[in-house]
Amino acid sequence: MDNDELLTLLQEVAAEIVTPRFRSLAAHEVMEKNPGDLVTIADRESEIAIAARLRQEYPDALIVGEEAVSADPSILKRTAGADHWFTVDPIDGTKNFVNGSPDHALMVAEMRGHEVVRGLIWQPEYQTAYLAERGAGAYRNGAKLESIVRQQDSLSGHTSRRSLLNEQIGDLPPLQLSWVCCGVDYPHIAQGDADFLLYGGSMPWDHAPGSLLLRETGGVVGYADGSDYDPTSLQTPLLAAGDRDTFEHVRRALASDSATTA
């Protein structure tokens, strides 16, 4: 599938399955996988539709969907040895979706081994698409995103970990709440609305698409030890930054702050 075909798939699934249920979910259509971890009928049906098309187009690729892994965690273990694989996040920001927030997205990423080579994010309520291809740039609705110079004396940091809200890392300003949806968070960094994000989770369907978006706009996603993001790894914390200087600035601060690495 080329980029236009993949985007059309996400748009059609959103239009047919996701958006009709936005702010219209019945009580029985919202479930808990774990306490506080919501899933909806739209998540499940969306993933089935996207994964089926990917399997049709790429019969030899491993398809790693969030809901499929919830049912069968062994799927995730297979990524370490997979030569070609995809992640599917049928509704990123499910809790936002359930609560009526437009901050949700459908996402797909393509990997060759341990390397993310393509990522697509579709934000249906904003009618906005983000595409990144390794070595070919990143785009918002077809317009190329350029690198942004970050001011190291006034960095804006965000986190989805509510326990870290207003925490101060080293000399950095207190952490603010992110948009609590990787499909919205990463574009905000790429566009300069935030300078870095600190995550307590690193599931590949959440981070693979956005990690490439940042990479192709001069950003860095990696770990506290300085190593780069690996979609097959569940290492945490995960740090996403708008450029290398910001990444190193925050990483050094993290190294001396045990509260954020615990």
C-alpha atoms as a PDB file:
ATOM      1  CA  MET A   1       0.000   0.000   0.000  1.00  0.00           C
ATOM      2  CA  ASP A   2       1.298   3.433  -0.806  1.00  0.00           C
ATOM      3  CA  ASN A   3       0.864   6.321   1.620  1.00  0.00           C
ATOM      4  CA  ASP A   4      -2.362   7.578   0.066  1.00  0.00           C
ATOM      5  CA  GLU A   5      -3.929   4.128   0.247  1.00  0.00           C
ATOM      6  CA  LEU A   6      -2.919   3.658   3.864  1.00  0.00           C
ATOM      7  CA  LEU A   7      -4.261   7.073   4.832  1.00  0.00           C
ATOM      8  CA  THR A   8      -7.512   6.369   2.983  1.00  0.00           C
ATOM      9  CA  LEU A   9      -7.854   3.132   4.943  1.00  0.00           C
ATOM     10  CA  LEU A  10      -7.553   4.981   8.273  1.00  0.00           C
ATOM     11  CA  GLN A  11      -9.940   7.698   7.119  1.00  0.00           C
ATOM     12  CA  GLU A  12     -12.555   5.209   5.946  1.00  0.00           C
ATOM     13  CA  VAL A  13     -12.354   3.149   9.128  1.00  0.00           C
ATOM     14  CA  ALA A  14     -12.668   6.304  11.205  1.00  0.00           C
ATOM     15  CA  ALA A  15     -15.657   7.512   9.192  1.00  0.00           C
ATOM     16  CA  GLU A  16     -17.458   4.165   9.247  1.00  0.00           C
ATOM     17  CA  ILE A  17     -16.616   2.814  12.714  1.00  0.00           C
ATOM     18  CA  VAL A  18     -15.099   5.412  15.040  1.00  0.00           C
ATOM     19  CA  THR A  19     -16.657   8.813  14.411  1.00  0.00           C
ATOM     20  CA  PRO A  20     -20.307   7.621  14.393  1.00  0.00           C
ATOM     21  CA  ARG A  21     -19.755   6.490  18.004  1.00  0.00           C
ATOM     22  CA  PHE A  22     -17.983   9.651  19.150  1.00  0.00           C
ATOM     23  CA  ARG A  23     -20.073  11.109  21.994  1.00  0.00           C
ATOM     24  CA  SER A  24     -22.664   8.409  21.223  1.00  0.00           C
ATOM     25  CA  LEU A  25     -21.323   5.351  23.052  1.00  0.00           C
ATOM     26  CA  ALA A  26     -23.801   3.277  25.012  1.00  0.00           C
ATOM     27  CA  ALA A  27     -22.755   2.063  28.455  1.00  0.00           C
ATOM     28  CA  HIS A  28     -22.373  -1.530  27.265  1.00  0.00           C
ATOM     29  CA  GLU A  29     -20.016  -0.402  24.481  1.00  0.00           C
ATOM     30  CA  VAL A  30     -17.320   0.688  26.955  1.00  0.00           C
ATOM     31  CA  MET A  31     -15.357  -1.944  28.876  1.00  0.00           C
ATOM     32  CA  GLU A  32     -12.284  -2.140  31.118  1.00  0.00           C
ATOM     33  CA  LYS A  33      -9.350  -4.337  30.100  1.00  0.00           C
ATOM     34  CA  ASN A  34      -7.760  -3.501  33.448  1.00  0.00           C
ATOM     35  CA  PRO A  35      -8.826  -1.016  36.121  1.00  0.00           C
ATOM     36  CA  GLY A  36      -8.861   2.388  34.431  1.00  0.00           C
ATOM     37  CA  ASP A  37      -7.755   0.955  31.054  1.00  0.00           C
ATOM     38  CA  LEU A  38     -10.740   1.429  28.770  1.00  0.00           C
ATOM     39  CA  VAL A  39     -11.623  -0.238  25.497  1.00  0.00           C
ATOM     40  CA  THR A  40     -14.695   0.348  23.362  1.00  0.00           C
ATOM     41  CA  ILE A  41     -16.520  -1.541  20.660  1.00  0.00           C
ATOM     42  CA  ALA A  42     -15.097   1.044  18.249  1.00  0.00           C
ATOM     43  CA  ASP A  43     -11.518   0.139  19.234  1.00  0.00           C
ATOM     44  CA  ARG A  44     -12.131  -3.538  18.580  1.00  0.00           C
ATOM     45  CA  GLU A  45     -14.000  -3.144  15.298  1.00  0.00           C
ATOM     46  CA  SER A  46     -11.526  -0.534  14.031  1.00  0.00           C
ATOM     47  CA  GLU A  47      -8.542  -2.789  14.702  1.00  0.00           C
ATOM     48  CA  ILE A  48     -10.186  -5.766  13.011  1.00  0.00           C
ATOM     49  CA  ALA A  49     -10.830  -3.699   9.871  1.00  0.00           C
ATOM     50  CA  ILE A  50      -7.349  -2.171   9.670  1.00  0.00           C
ATOM     51  CA  ALA A  51      -5.520  -5.406  10.496  1.00  0.00           C
ATOM     52  CA  ALA A  52      -7.523  -7.381   7.925  1.00  0.00           C
ATOM     53  CA  ARG A  53      -6.530  -5.005   5.139  1.00  0.00           C
ATOM     54  CA  LEU A  54      -2.871  -5.018   6.192  1.00  0.00           C
ATOM     55  CA  ARG A  55      -2.831  -8.829   6.214  1.00  0.00           C
ATOM     56  CA  GLN A  56      -4.359  -8.836   2.760  1.00  0.00           C
ATOM     57  CA  GLU A  57      -1.680  -6.478   1.424  1.00  0.00           C
ATOM     58  CA  TYR A  58       1.239  -7.900   3.444  1.00  0.00           C
ATOM     59  CA  PRO A  59       0.535 -11.597   4.115  1.00  0.00           C
ATOM     60  CA  ASP A  60       4.069 -12.256   5.419  1.00  0.00           C
ATOM     61  CA  ALA A  61       4.193  -9.319   7.847  1.00  0.00           C
ATOM     62  CA  LEU A  62       3.507  -9.530  11.576  1.00  0.00           C
ATOM     63  CA  ILE A  63       0.531  -7.363  12.582  1.00  0.00           C
ATOM     64  CA  VAL A  64       0.729  -6.086  16.145  1.00  0.00           C
ATOM     65  CA  GLY A  65      -2.567  -4.525  17.199  1.00  0.00           C
ATOM     66  CA  GLU A  66      -3.184  -3.132  20.670  1.00  0.00           C
ATOM     67  CA  GLU A  67      -6.339  -5.141  21.214  1.00  0.00           C
ATOM     68  CA  ALA A  68      -4.882  -8.319  19.717  1.00  0.00           C
ATOM     69  CA  VAL A  69      -1.957  -8.094  22.146  1.00  0.00           C
ATOM     70  CA  SER A  70      -4.377  -7.518  25.016  1.00  0.00           C
ATOM     71  CA  ALA A  71      -5.969 -10.861  24.118  1.00  0.00           C
ATOM     72  CA  ASP A  72      -2.670 -12.625  23.298  1.00  0.00           C
ATOM     73  CA  PRO A  73       0.453 -11.022  24.843  1.00  0.00           C
ATOM     74  CA  SER A  74       2.715 -13.502  23.027  1.00  0.00           C
ATOM     75  CA  ILE A  75       2.236 -11.464  19.829  1.00  0.00           C
ATOM     76  CA  LEU A  76       4.348  -8.675  21.281  1.00  0.00           C
ATOM     77  CA  LYS A  77       7.239 -11.038  22.001  1.00  0.00           C
ATOM     78  CA  ARG A  78       7.463 -11.912  18.317  1.00  0.00           C
ATOM     79  CA  THR A  79       8.476  -8.374  17.355  1.00  0.00           C
ATOM     80  CA  ALA A  80      12.096  -8.919  18.430  1.00  0.00           C
ATOM     81  CA  GLY A  81      12.638 -11.420  15.614  1.00  0.00           C
ATOM     82  CA  ALA A  82      10.265  -9.976  13.017  1.00  0.00           C
ATOM     83  CA  ASP A  83      11.793  -8.780   9.743  1.00  0.00           C
ATOM     84  CA  HIS A  84       8.673  -6.874   8.646  1.00  0.00           C
ATOM     85  CA  TRP A  85       5.862  -5.821  10.934  1.00  0.00           C
ATOM     86  CA  PHE A  86       3.153  -3.239  11.543  1.00  0.00           C
ATOM     87  CA  THR A  87       1.579  -1.731  14.628  1.00  0.00           C
ATOM     88  CA  VAL A  88      -2.080  -0.773  14.759  1.00  0.00           C
ATOM     89  CA  ASP A  89      -3.560   1.585  17.337  1.00  0.00           C
ATOM     90  CA  PRO A  90      -7.269   1.552  16.458  1.00  0.00           C
ATOM     91  CA  ILE A  91      -8.100   4.501  18.723  1.00  0.00           C
ATOM     92  CA  ASP A  92      -5.187   6.137  20.467  1.00  0.00           C
ATOM     93  CA  GLY A  93      -6.518   8.134  23.402  1.00  0.00           C
ATOM     94  CA  THR A  94      -9.457   5.842  24.113  1.00  0.00           C
ATOM     95  CA  LYS A  95     -10.216   7.529  27.433  1.00  0.00           C
ATOM     96  CA  ASN A  96     -10.343  10.893  25.649  1.00  0.00           C
ATOM     97  CA  PHE A  97     -12.647   9.356  23.052  1.00  0.00           C
ATOM     98  CA  VAL A  98     -14.954   7.977  25.742  1.00  0.00           C
ATOM     99  CA  ASN A  99     -14.986  11.325  27.542  1.00  0.00           C
ATOM    100  CA  GLY A 100     -15.902  13.238  24.399  1.00  0.00           C
ATOM    101  CA  SER A 101     -12.511  14.844  23.749  1.00  0.00           C
ATOM    102  CA  PRO A 102     -11.417  15.337  20.124  1.00  0.00           C
ATOM    103  CA  ASP A 103      -7.861  14.418  21.181  1.00  0.00           C
ATOM    104  CA  HIS A 104      -7.811  10.897  19.748  1.00  0.00           C
ATOM    105  CA  ALA A 105      -6.291   9.321  16.649  1.00  0.00           C
ATOM    106  CA  LEU A 106      -5.953   6.203  14.518  1.00  0.00           C
ATOM    107  CA  MET A 107      -2.341   5.161  13.935  1.00  0.00           C
ATOM    108  CA  VAL A 108      -0.301   2.676  11.934  1.00  0.00           C
ATOM    109  CA  ALA A 109       3.471   2.224  11.816  1.00  0.00           C
ATOM    110  CA  GLU A 110       5.605   0.001   9.610  1.00  0.00           C
ATOM    111  CA  MET A 111       8.859  -1.556  10.817  1.00  0.00           C
ATOM    112  CA  ARG A 112      11.755  -3.326   9.186  1.00  0.00           C
ATOM    113  CA  GLY A 113      13.373  -5.217  12.010  1.00  0.00           C
ATOM    114  CA  HIS A 114      14.062  -2.747  14.822  1.00  0.00           C
ATOM    115  CA  GLU A 115      13.682   0.309  12.601  1.00  0.00           C
ATOM    116  CA  VAL A 116      10.511   2.358  12.087  1.00  0.00           C
ATOM    117  CA  VAL A 117      10.265   3.119   8.357  1.00  0.00           C
ATOM    118  CA  ARG A 118       6.777   4.622   8.054  1.00  0.00           C
ATOM    119  CA  GLY A 119       4.245   6.146  10.410  1.00  0.00           C
ATOM    120  CA  LEU A 120       0.752   7.504   9.860  1.00  0.00           C
ATOM    121  CA  ILE A 121      -1.508   9.374  12.290  1.00  0.00           C
ATOM    122  CA  TRP A 122      -5.093  10.353  11.467  1.00  0.00           C
ATOM    123  CA  GLN A 123      -6.914  12.705  13.835  1.00  0.00           C
ATOM    124  CA  PRO A 124     -10.542  12.389  12.687  1.00  0.00           C
ATOM    125  CA  GLU A 125     -12.029  15.231  14.728  1.00  0.00           C
ATOM    126  CA  TYR A 126      -9.355  17.627  13.456  1.00  0.00           C
ATOM    127  CA  GLN A 127      -9.338  16.144   9.933  1.00  0.00           C
ATOM    128  CA  THR A 128      -5.553  16.188  10.151  1.00  0.00           C
ATOM    129  CA  ALA A 129      -3.101  13.588   8.872  1.00  0.00           C
ATOM    130  CA  TYR A 130       0.558  13.230   9.807  1.00  0.00           C
ATOM    131  CA  LEU A 131       2.840  11.086   7.694  1.00  0.00           C
ATOM    132  CA  ALA A 132       6.510  10.278   8.166  1.00  0.00           C
ATOM    133  CA  GLU A 133       8.813   8.118   6.062  1.00  0.00           C
ATOM    134  CA  ARG A 134      12.337   7.325   7.132  1.00  0.00           C
ATOM    135  CA  GLY A 135      14.705   9.587   5.225  1.00  0.00           C
ATOM    136  CA  ALA A 136      11.873  11.280   3.297  1.00  0.00           C
ATOM    137  CA  GLY A 137      10.556  13.801   5.815  1.00  0.00           C
ATOM    138  CA  ALA A 138       7.364  14.365   7.780  1.00  0.00           C
ATOM    139  CA  TYR A 139       4.164  15.969   6.577  1.00  0.00           C
ATOM    140  CA  ARG A 140       0.969  17.495   7.940  1.00  0.00           C
ATOM    141  CA  ASN A 141      -1.895  17.260   5.455  1.00  0.00           C
ATOM    142  CA  GLY A 142       0.677  17.125   2.670  1.00  0.00           C
ATOM    143  CA  ALA A 143       2.757  20.119   3.827  1.00  0.00           C
ATOM    144  CA  LYS A 144       6.293  19.313   4.925  1.00  0.00           C
ATOM    145  CA  LEU A 145       7.143  19.931   8.578  1.00  0.00           C
ATOM    146  CA  GLU A 146      10.437  21.694   9.184  1.00  0.00           C
ATOM    147  CA  SER A 147      12.793  21.547  12.158  1.00  0.00           C
ATOM    148  CA  ILE A 148      12.205  24.092  14.929  1.00  0.00           C
ATOM    149  CA  VAL A 149      14.934  25.709  17.015  1.00  0.00           C
ATOM    150  CA  ARG A 150      14.223  25.170  20.726  1.00  0.00           C
ATOM    151  CA  GLN A 151      15.175  27.762  23.342  1.00  0.00           C
ATOM    152  CA  GLN A 152      17.068  25.843  26.013  1.00  0.00           C
ATOM    153  CA  ASP A 153      16.339  28.451  28.692  1.00  0.00           C
ATOM    154  CA  SER A 154      12.558  28.114  28.329  1.00  0.00           C
ATOM    155  CA  LEU A 155      11.770  24.499  27.488  1.00  0.00           C
ATOM    156  CA  SER A 156       8.185  23.291  27.772  1.00  0.00           C
ATOM    157  CA  GLY A 157       7.896  19.780  29.193  1.00  0.00           C
ATOM    158  CA  HIS A 158       4.826  17.563  29.384  1.00  0.00           C
ATOM    159  CA  THR A 159       3.945  14.135  30.736  1.00  0.00           C
ATOM    160  CA  SER A 160       0.993  11.768  30.639  1.00  0.00           C
ATOM    161  CA  ARG A 161       1.925  10.490  34.120  1.00  0.00           C
ATOM    162  CA  ARG A 162      -0.367  12.408  36.429  1.00  0.00           C
ATOM    163  CA  SER A 163       1.845  11.526  39.409  1.00  0.00           C
ATOM    164  CA  LEU A 164       4.569  13.700  37.846  1.00  0.00           C
ATOM    165  CA  LEU A 165       2.451  16.776  37.178  1.00  0.00           C
ATOM    166  CA  ASN A 166       4.159  19.944  38.428  1.00  0.00           C
ATOM    167  CA  GLU A 167       7.308  17.959  39.235  1.00  0.00           C
ATOM    168  CA  GLN A 168      10.497  19.811  38.392  1.00  0.00           C
ATOM    169  CA  ILE A 169      13.365  17.941  36.727  1.00  0.00           C
ATOM    170  CA  GLY A 170      16.647  19.656  37.462  1.00  0.00           C
ATOM    171  CA  ASP A 171      16.532  23.271  36.249  1.00  0.00           C
ATOM    172  CA  LEU A 172      13.592  22.640  33.922  1.00  0.00           C
ATOM    173  CA  PRO A 173      10.124  24.168  34.408  1.00  0.00           C
ATOM    174  CA  PRO A 174       7.497  22.023  36.171  1.00  0.00           C
ATOM    175  CA  LEU A 175       5.974  19.304  34.006  1.00  0.00           C
ATOM    176  CA  GLN A 176       2.565  19.990  32.474  1.00  0.00           C
ATOM    177  CA  LEU A 177      -0.073  17.460  31.500  1.00  0.00           C
ATOM    178  CA  SER A 178       0.250  16.201  27.942  1.00  0.00           C
ATOM    179  CA  TRP A 179      -2.726  15.727  25.646  1.00  0.00           C
ATOM    180  CA  VAL A 180      -2.805  12.126  26.963  1.00  0.00           C
ATOM    181  CA  CYS A 181      -2.785  10.708  23.456  1.00  0.00           C
ATOM    182  CA  CYS A 182       0.453   9.930  21.648  1.00  0.00           C
ATOM    183  CA  GLY A 183      -1.230  10.603  18.316  1.00  0.00           C
ATOM    184  CA  VAL A 184      -1.758  14.179  19.478  1.00  0.00           C
ATOM    185  CA  ASP A 185       1.285  14.579  21.752  1.00  0.00           C
ATOM    186  CA  TYR A 186       3.950  13.835  19.151  1.00  0.00           C
ATOM    187  CA  PRO A 187       2.555  16.236  16.537  1.00  0.00           C
ATOM    188  CA  HIS A 188       2.484  18.972  19.174  1.00  0.00           C
ATOM    189  CA  ILE A 189       6.218  18.480  19.780  1.00  0.00           C
ATOM    190  CA  ALA A 190       6.994  18.346  16.077  1.00  0.00           C
ATOM    191  CA  GLN A 191       5.139  21.625  15.555  1.00  0.00           C
ATOM    192  CA  GLY A 192       6.750  23.399  18.517  1.00  0.00           C
ATOM    193  CA  ASP A 193       3.776  23.462  20.914  1.00  0.00           C
ATOM    194  CA  ALA A 194       5.856  21.429  23.379  1.00  0.00           C
ATOM    195  CA  ASP A 195       9.599  20.768  23.587  1.00  0.00           C
ATOM    196  CA  PHE A 196       9.703  17.393  25.301  1.00  0.00           C
ATOM    197  CA  LEU A 197       7.493  14.653  26.705  1.00  0.00           C
ATOM    198  CA  LEU A 198       8.235  12.093  29.380  1.00  0.00           C
ATOM    199  CA  TYR A 199       6.383   8.783  29.156  1.00  0.00           C
ATOM    200  CA  GLY A 200       6.034   5.976  31.662  1.00  0.00           C
ATOM    201  CA  GLY A 201       5.010   3.449  29.005  1.00  0.00           C
ATOM    202  CA  SER A 202       6.555   2.459  25.688  1.00  0.00           C
ATOM    203  CA  MET A 203       4.128   0.183  23.838  1.00  0.00           C
ATOM    204  CA  PRO A 204       5.063   0.233  20.133  1.00  0.00           C
ATOM    205  CA  TRP A 205       1.577   1.058  18.811  1.00  0.00           C
ATOM    206  CA  ASP A 206       1.680   4.221  20.949  1.00  0.00           C
ATOM    207  CA  HIS A 207       5.169   5.446  20.093  1.00  0.00           C
ATOM    208  CA  ALA A 208       6.381   4.034  16.778  1.00  0.00           C
ATOM    209  CA  PRO A 209       4.395   6.417  14.520  1.00  0.00           C
ATOM    210  CA  GLY A 210       5.252   9.566  16.479  1.00  0.00           C
ATOM    211  CA  SER A 211       8.875   8.610  17.007  1.00  0.00           C
ATOM    212  CA  LEU A 212       9.453   8.697  13.251  1.00  0.00           C
ATOM    213  CA  LEU A 213       7.523  11.961  12.918  1.00  0.00           C
ATOM    214  CA  LEU A 214       9.930  13.524  15.405  1.00  0.00           C
ATOM    215  CA  ARG A 215      13.013  11.959  13.879  1.00  0.00           C
ATOM    216  CA  GLU A 216      12.132  13.360  10.478  1.00  0.00           C
ATOM    217  CA  THR A 217      11.727  16.862  11.946  1.00  0.00           C
ATOM    218  CA  GLY A 218      15.029  16.820  13.818  1.00  0.00           C
ATOM    219  CA  GLY A 219      13.737  15.363  17.072  1.00  0.00           C
ATOM    220  CA  VAL A 220      14.951  12.484  19.215  1.00  0.00           C
ATOM    221  CA  VAL A 221      13.122   9.701  21.046  1.00  0.00           C
ATOM    222  CA  GLY A 222      15.093   7.508  23.408  1.00  0.00           C
ATOM    223  CA  TYR A 223      15.909   6.418  26.911  1.00  0.00           C
ATOM    224  CA  ALA A 224      17.587   7.843  29.987  1.00  0.00           C
ATOM    225  CA  ASP A 225      20.836   6.036  29.131  1.00  0.00           C
ATOM    226  CA  GLY A 226      21.037   7.961  25.838  1.00  0.00           C
ATOM    227  CA  SER A 227      20.138   5.071  23.547  1.00  0.00           C
ATOM    228  CA  ASP A 228      17.670   5.613  20.710  1.00  0.00           C
ATOM    229  CA  TYR A 229      14.107   4.366  20.665  1.00  0.00           C
ATOM    230  CA  ASP A 230      13.651   0.715  19.694  1.00  0.00           C
ATOM    231  CA  PRO A 231      10.062  -0.304  18.883  1.00  0.00           C
ATOM    232  CA  THR A 232      10.748  -3.844  20.108  1.00  0.00           C
ATOM    233  CA  SER A 233      11.782  -2.591  23.567  1.00  0.00           C
ATOM    234  CA  LEU A 234       9.507  -1.856  26.515  1.00  0.00           C
ATOM    235  CA  GLN A 235      12.222   0.063  28.368  1.00  0.00           C
ATOM    236  CA  THR A 236      11.060   3.086  30.367  1.00  0.00           C
ATOM    237  CA  PRO A 237      11.012   5.970  30.973  1.00  0.00           C
ATOM    238  CA  LEU A 238      10.767   7.076  27.351  1.00  0.00           C
ATOM    239  CA  LEU A 239      11.817  10.598  26.452  1.00  0.00           C
ATOM    240  CA  ALA A 240      10.664  12.400  23.303  1.00  0.00           C
ATOM    241  CA  ALA A 241      12.319  15.720  22.498  1.00  0.00           C
ATOM    242  CA  GLY A 242      12.126  18.239  19.683  1.00  0.00           C
ATOM    243  CA  ASP A 243      15.865  18.229  19.024  1.00  0.00           C
ATOM    244  CA  ARG A 244      19.112  16.632  20.192  1.00  0.00           C
ATOM    245  CA  ASP A 245      20.094  19.505  22.516  1.00  0.00           C
ATOM    246  CA  THR A 246      16.752  19.301  24.310  1.00  0.00           C
ATOM    247  CA  PHE A 247      16.989  15.521  24.571  1.00  0.00           C
ATOM    248  CA  GLU A 248      20.445  15.711  26.163  1.00  0.00           C
ATOM    249  CA  HIS A 249      19.417  18.574  28.468  1.00  0.00           C
ATOM    250  CA  VAL A 250      16.448  16.605  29.811  1.00  0.00           C
ATOM    251  CA  ARG A 251      18.359  13.325  29.907  1.00  0.00           C
ATOM    252  CA  ARG A 252      21.067  14.838  32.110  1.00  0.00           C
ATOM    253  CA  ALA A 253      18.412  16.227  34.426  1.00  0.00           C
ATOM    254  CA  LEU A 254      16.707  12.839  34.606  1.00  0.00           C
ATOM    255  CA  ALA A 255      19.970  11.156  35.536  1.00  0.00           C
ATOM    256  CA  SER A 256      20.118  13.231  38.711  1.00  0.00           C
ATOM    257  CA  ASP A 257      16.410  12.972  39.552  1.00  0.00           C
ATOM    258  CA  SER A 258      15.427   9.550  40.851  1.00  0.00           C
ATOM    259  CA  ALA A 259      11.761  10.576  41.270  1.00  0.00           C
ATOM    260  CA  THR A 260      11.152  10.505  37.525  1.00  0.00           C
ATOM    261  CA  THR A 261      13.042   7.305  36.811  1.00  0.00           C
ATOM    262  CA  ALA A 262      11.540   5.167  39.558  1.00  0.00           C
END
